[in-house]
Protein backbone atom coordinates (compact mmCIF):
# COMPACT_ATOMS: atom_id res chain seq x y z
CA MET A 1 106.99 63.85 97.99
CA GLN A 2 110.54 64.27 96.73
CA SER A 3 112.43 67.13 98.34
CA ALA A 4 113.43 69.98 96.06
CA LYS A 5 117.06 69.37 96.99
CA LEU A 6 116.93 65.78 95.77
CA VAL A 7 115.21 66.80 92.54
CA MET A 8 117.83 69.37 91.68
CA ASN A 9 120.72 67.12 92.65
CA ASN A 10 119.36 64.52 90.25
CA LEU A 11 118.50 66.94 87.48
CA LEU A 12 121.26 69.56 87.82
CA PHE A 13 119.46 72.71 86.76
CA PHE A 14 117.07 71.70 84.00
CA ASN A 15 116.92 67.96 83.58
CA LEU A 16 113.32 67.48 82.57
CA LEU A 17 112.62 63.81 83.27
CA SER A 18 109.13 62.85 84.32
CA ALA A 19 108.20 62.21 87.94
CA LYS A 20 107.22 58.66 86.98
CA ASP A 21 110.70 57.99 85.59
CA HIS A 22 112.29 59.17 88.82
CA LEU A 23 110.09 56.97 90.95
CA THR A 24 110.54 53.83 88.86
CA GLY A 25 114.21 54.39 88.17
CA LEU A 26 113.70 53.74 84.46
CA VAL A 27 115.81 56.72 83.43
CA LYS A 28 119.23 57.35 84.94
CA ASN A 29 122.09 59.77 84.39
CA ARG A 30 120.43 61.74 81.60
CA SER A 31 121.54 65.35 81.64
CA PHE A 32 119.42 68.43 81.08
CA THR A 33 121.45 69.16 77.93
CA SER A 34 119.50 66.57 75.94
CA LYS A 35 116.04 67.35 77.34
CA PHE A 36 115.79 71.10 77.78
CA PRO A 37 115.88 71.95 74.05
CA LEU A 38 112.82 69.74 73.61
CA TYR A 39 110.89 71.99 75.96
CA MET A 40 112.18 75.08 74.20
CA GLU A 41 110.81 73.69 70.94
CA LYS A 42 107.40 73.30 72.57
CA ALA A 43 107.06 77.05 73.01
CA ASN A 44 103.98 77.78 70.96
CA GLN A 45 102.57 81.13 69.89
CA SER A 46 99.32 79.92 68.37
CA GLU A 47 97.76 77.21 70.51
CA VAL A 48 95.03 78.10 72.97
CA LEU A 49 95.50 77.95 76.73
CA LEU A 50 93.63 74.99 78.19
CA PHE A 51 91.54 75.01 81.35
CA GLY A 52 93.26 73.34 84.30
CA GLU A 53 96.75 73.39 82.77
CA THR A 54 99.96 75.09 83.91
CA TYR A 55 102.08 77.24 81.58
CA HIS A 56 105.36 79.08 81.48
CA ILE A 57 104.48 82.31 79.69
CA TYR A 58 107.05 84.84 78.56
CA ASN A 59 107.67 87.63 76.09
CA LYS A 60 110.13 90.40 75.32
CA THR A 61 110.08 93.83 73.78
CA VAL A 62 110.57 94.71 70.14
CA GLY A 63 114.23 95.45 69.47
CA ASN A 64 115.12 94.90 73.13
CA GLU A 65 113.64 98.26 74.12
CA LEU A 66 112.89 98.80 77.77
CA MET A 67 109.57 97.46 78.95
CA PHE A 68 109.95 99.00 82.41
CA LYS A 69 111.62 102.38 82.80
CA THR A 70 110.55 103.28 86.31
CA GLU A 71 109.52 101.50 89.47
CA ASN A 72 105.97 102.63 88.77
CA ASP A 73 106.05 100.67 85.49
CA TYR A 74 106.85 97.44 87.32
CA GLN A 75 104.06 98.01 89.82
CA TYR A 76 101.61 98.99 87.09
CA PHE A 77 102.31 95.76 85.20
CA LEU A 78 101.65 93.76 88.38
CA ASN A 79 98.41 95.67 88.94
CA LYS A 80 97.34 94.80 85.41
CA LEU A 81 98.33 91.18 86.02
CA THR A 82 96.09 91.08 89.07
CA ARG A 83 93.22 92.72 87.24
CA PHE A 84 93.26 90.70 84.01
CA ILE A 85 94.89 87.36 84.86
CA LEU A 86 94.26 86.56 88.53
CA PRO A 87 90.51 85.94 87.95
CA ILE A 88 91.32 83.22 85.40
CA SER A 89 94.63 81.86 86.66
CA ASN A 90 96.65 81.00 89.75
CA ILE A 91 99.99 82.81 89.83
CA TYR A 92 102.84 80.56 90.94
CA ALA A 93 105.86 82.70 90.11
CA TYR A 94 106.90 85.73 88.09
CA CYS A 95 109.94 87.79 87.25
CA LEU A 96 109.92 91.17 85.52
CA MET A 97 113.14 92.18 83.78
CA PRO A 98 113.86 95.51 82.05
CA ASN A 99 113.02 94.16 78.58
CA HIS A 100 111.13 90.92 79.20
CA PHE A 101 109.07 88.94 81.70
CA HIS A 102 108.40 85.37 82.85
CA LEU A 103 105.17 84.07 84.39
CA LEU A 104 104.34 80.62 85.75
CA LEU A 105 100.57 80.30 85.79
CA GLY A 106 97.92 77.68 86.35
CA ILE A 107 94.78 78.30 84.29
CA LYS A 108 91.75 77.69 86.48
CA GLU A 109 89.10 75.12 85.68
CA ARG A 110 86.28 76.39 83.48
CA ASN A 111 83.53 75.98 86.05
CA THR A 112 85.58 77.98 88.58
CA ILE A 113 86.09 80.84 86.14
CA SER A 114 82.56 80.86 84.71
CA ASN A 115 81.15 81.56 88.16
CA LEU A 116 82.92 84.93 88.03
CA LEU A 117 83.34 85.78 84.35
CA PRO A 118 81.55 85.07 81.06
CA ILE A 119 84.09 82.59 79.66
CA GLU A 120 82.85 80.72 76.57
CA ASN A 121 85.90 78.61 75.68
CA GLU A 122 89.70 78.48 75.68
CA ARG A 123 89.82 81.30 73.12
CA SER A 124 88.25 83.52 75.75
CA ILE A 125 91.23 82.81 78.01
CA LEU A 126 93.61 83.78 75.24
CA ARG A 127 91.76 87.07 74.75
CA LYS A 128 92.23 87.89 78.42
CA PHE A 129 95.99 87.63 78.00
CA THR A 130 95.92 89.65 74.79
CA ASN A 131 93.88 92.38 76.47
CA PHE A 132 96.30 92.38 79.40
CA PHE A 133 99.36 92.96 77.22
CA ILE A 134 97.62 95.52 75.00
CA SER A 135 96.40 97.46 78.02
CA TYR A 136 99.85 97.65 79.57
CA SER A 137 101.49 98.58 76.26
CA LYS A 138 99.04 101.41 75.60
CA SER A 139 99.50 102.80 79.10
CA PHE A 140 103.29 102.54 78.85
CA ASN A 141 103.30 104.35 75.52
CA LYS A 142 101.11 107.14 76.88
CA VAL A 143 103.20 107.67 80.01
CA HIS A 144 106.51 107.62 78.16
CA GLN A 145 105.28 109.45 75.06
CA ARG A 146 106.09 106.50 72.87
CA GLN A 147 104.41 105.12 69.74
CA GLY A 148 104.26 101.69 68.14
CA ARG A 149 104.33 98.10 69.30
CA LEU A 150 106.06 97.45 72.61
CA LEU A 151 106.03 93.64 72.82
CA LEU A 152 106.62 91.00 70.21
CA GLN A 153 103.41 90.13 68.42
CA SER A 154 102.51 87.05 70.42
CA PHE A 155 103.64 85.76 73.78
CA LYS A 156 105.20 82.31 74.02
CA ARG A 157 103.92 79.56 76.26
CA ILE A 158 105.20 76.16 77.28
CA LEU A 159 102.94 73.56 78.85
CA VAL A 160 104.27 72.37 82.22
CA GLU A 161 103.48 68.69 82.47
CA ASP A 162 105.38 67.32 85.48
CA GLY A 163 106.50 68.25 88.98
CA ASP A 164 110.22 68.22 88.31
CA TYR A 165 109.82 70.72 85.49
CA PHE A 166 107.57 72.84 87.72
CA THR A 167 110.11 73.10 90.54
CA SER A 168 112.94 73.74 88.09
CA LEU A 169 110.92 76.56 86.53
CA ILE A 170 110.37 78.18 89.92
CA ASN A 171 114.13 78.48 90.30
CA TYR A 172 114.67 79.37 86.65
CA ILE A 173 112.25 82.30 86.87
CA HIS A 174 113.56 83.61 90.18
CA ARG A 175 117.14 83.21 88.98
CA ASN A 176 116.68 85.41 85.88
CA PRO A 177 118.09 88.60 87.46
CA ILE A 178 121.19 86.67 88.56
CA HIS A 179 121.59 85.15 85.12
CA HIS A 180 121.45 88.61 83.52
CA GLY A 181 123.89 90.11 86.02
CA MET A 182 121.39 92.48 87.62
CA VAL A 183 121.97 91.15 91.15
CA THR A 184 123.91 88.38 92.87
CA ASN A 185 121.21 87.28 95.31
CA TYR A 186 117.53 86.48 94.79
CA VAL A 187 116.32 88.80 97.55
CA ASP A 188 117.95 91.84 95.96
CA TRP A 189 115.63 91.85 92.92
CA LYS A 190 112.37 93.54 93.89
CA TYR A 191 110.46 92.60 90.77
CA SER A 192 110.13 88.83 91.17
CA SER A 193 107.89 86.70 93.35
CA TYR A 194 110.81 85.29 95.37
CA ASN A 195 110.48 87.69 98.30
CA ALA A 196 106.75 87.07 98.51
CA PHE A 197 107.52 83.51 99.65
CA LEU A 198 109.66 84.85 102.50
CA SER A 199 107.10 87.38 103.68
CA ASP A 200 103.95 87.05 105.73
CA ASN A 201 102.32 89.90 103.84
CA LYS A 202 99.24 89.26 101.74
CA THR A 203 100.10 88.28 98.17
CA SER A 204 98.45 87.14 94.96
CA ILE A 205 101.05 84.36 94.62
CA ASP A 206 99.70 80.87 95.29
CA LYS A 207 102.38 80.09 97.86
CA THR A 208 100.51 77.09 99.25
CA GLU A 209 100.55 75.25 95.92
CA VAL A 210 104.19 76.05 95.21
CA LEU A 211 105.48 75.15 98.66
CA ALA A 212 103.65 71.80 98.44
CA TYR A 213 106.46 70.77 96.06
CA PHE A 214 109.04 71.42 98.79
CA ASP A 215 109.57 69.91 102.21
CA SER A 216 109.34 73.33 103.85
CA LEU A 217 110.00 77.02 103.28
CA GLU A 218 113.57 76.36 104.40
CA ASP A 219 113.87 73.68 101.73
CA PHE A 220 112.53 76.17 99.18
CA VAL A 221 115.25 78.66 100.13
CA THR A 222 117.96 75.99 100.20
CA PHE A 223 116.87 74.74 96.78
CA HIS A 224 117.33 78.22 95.35
CA GLU A 225 120.65 78.85 97.05
CA GLU A 226 122.13 75.56 95.89
CA ASN A 227 121.26 76.50 92.32
CA ARG A 228 122.15 80.18 92.45
CA ILE A 229 125.34 79.58 90.47
CA LYS A 230 124.90 77.16 87.56
CA PRO A 231 127.34 77.96 84.72
CA GLU A 232 126.37 74.82 82.82
CA ALA A 233 122.78 76.04 82.54
CA GLU A 234 123.39 79.56 81.26
CA LYS A 235 123.09 78.70 77.57
CA TYR A 236 119.63 77.23 78.09
CA TYR A 237 117.97 80.45 79.15
CA LEU A 238 115.07 81.37 76.90
CA GLU A 239 115.40 85.11 77.53
């Protein structure tokens, strides 16, 4: 398996070439600047979420209002994530920002889910996400004496189809607080999954699957540190 360091050296921050192209050497010296917009265009608000597929899911608040006002809000969102989404999806990475969030999720296979929940089809998966966001929004409004829609009408999702894109997204999501100037180091932002990888505490994050894309935990950390400062990638942030 390619090390994360080699992948990022080849791709800079978001070069989205396929794993097959890297192995065969058919594509060389193509920068992320020509590929990343193609993935941005694939963000779809209407298609269903397919069993067995991996998605980058994100959304933001209406009018850039705050989505999290207190530490309890962040924890409450994660509790809702565990309740609504963990039964139907593996959680690979997340980052919660004051007015938006990013999730990297792997929808479980239908037969795995149906053993636990009455899932009829892919539309049932979509309803789980809708119920998750509605539940959090209603609770947030009640606690903060607020009315009206909190999040944009529909969340966006991008299908993750290859390993290079997957590892790049791990860094992209964990790097969000640095990109937005909230912190200068990954470990200083409490509301992402980064620290879960460094801890031995029990977590809902599928660390085993994620770390399989890296040579080791040390390689995972090195990969992030080498890409902590990437000025050339700033304009490609979705949120």
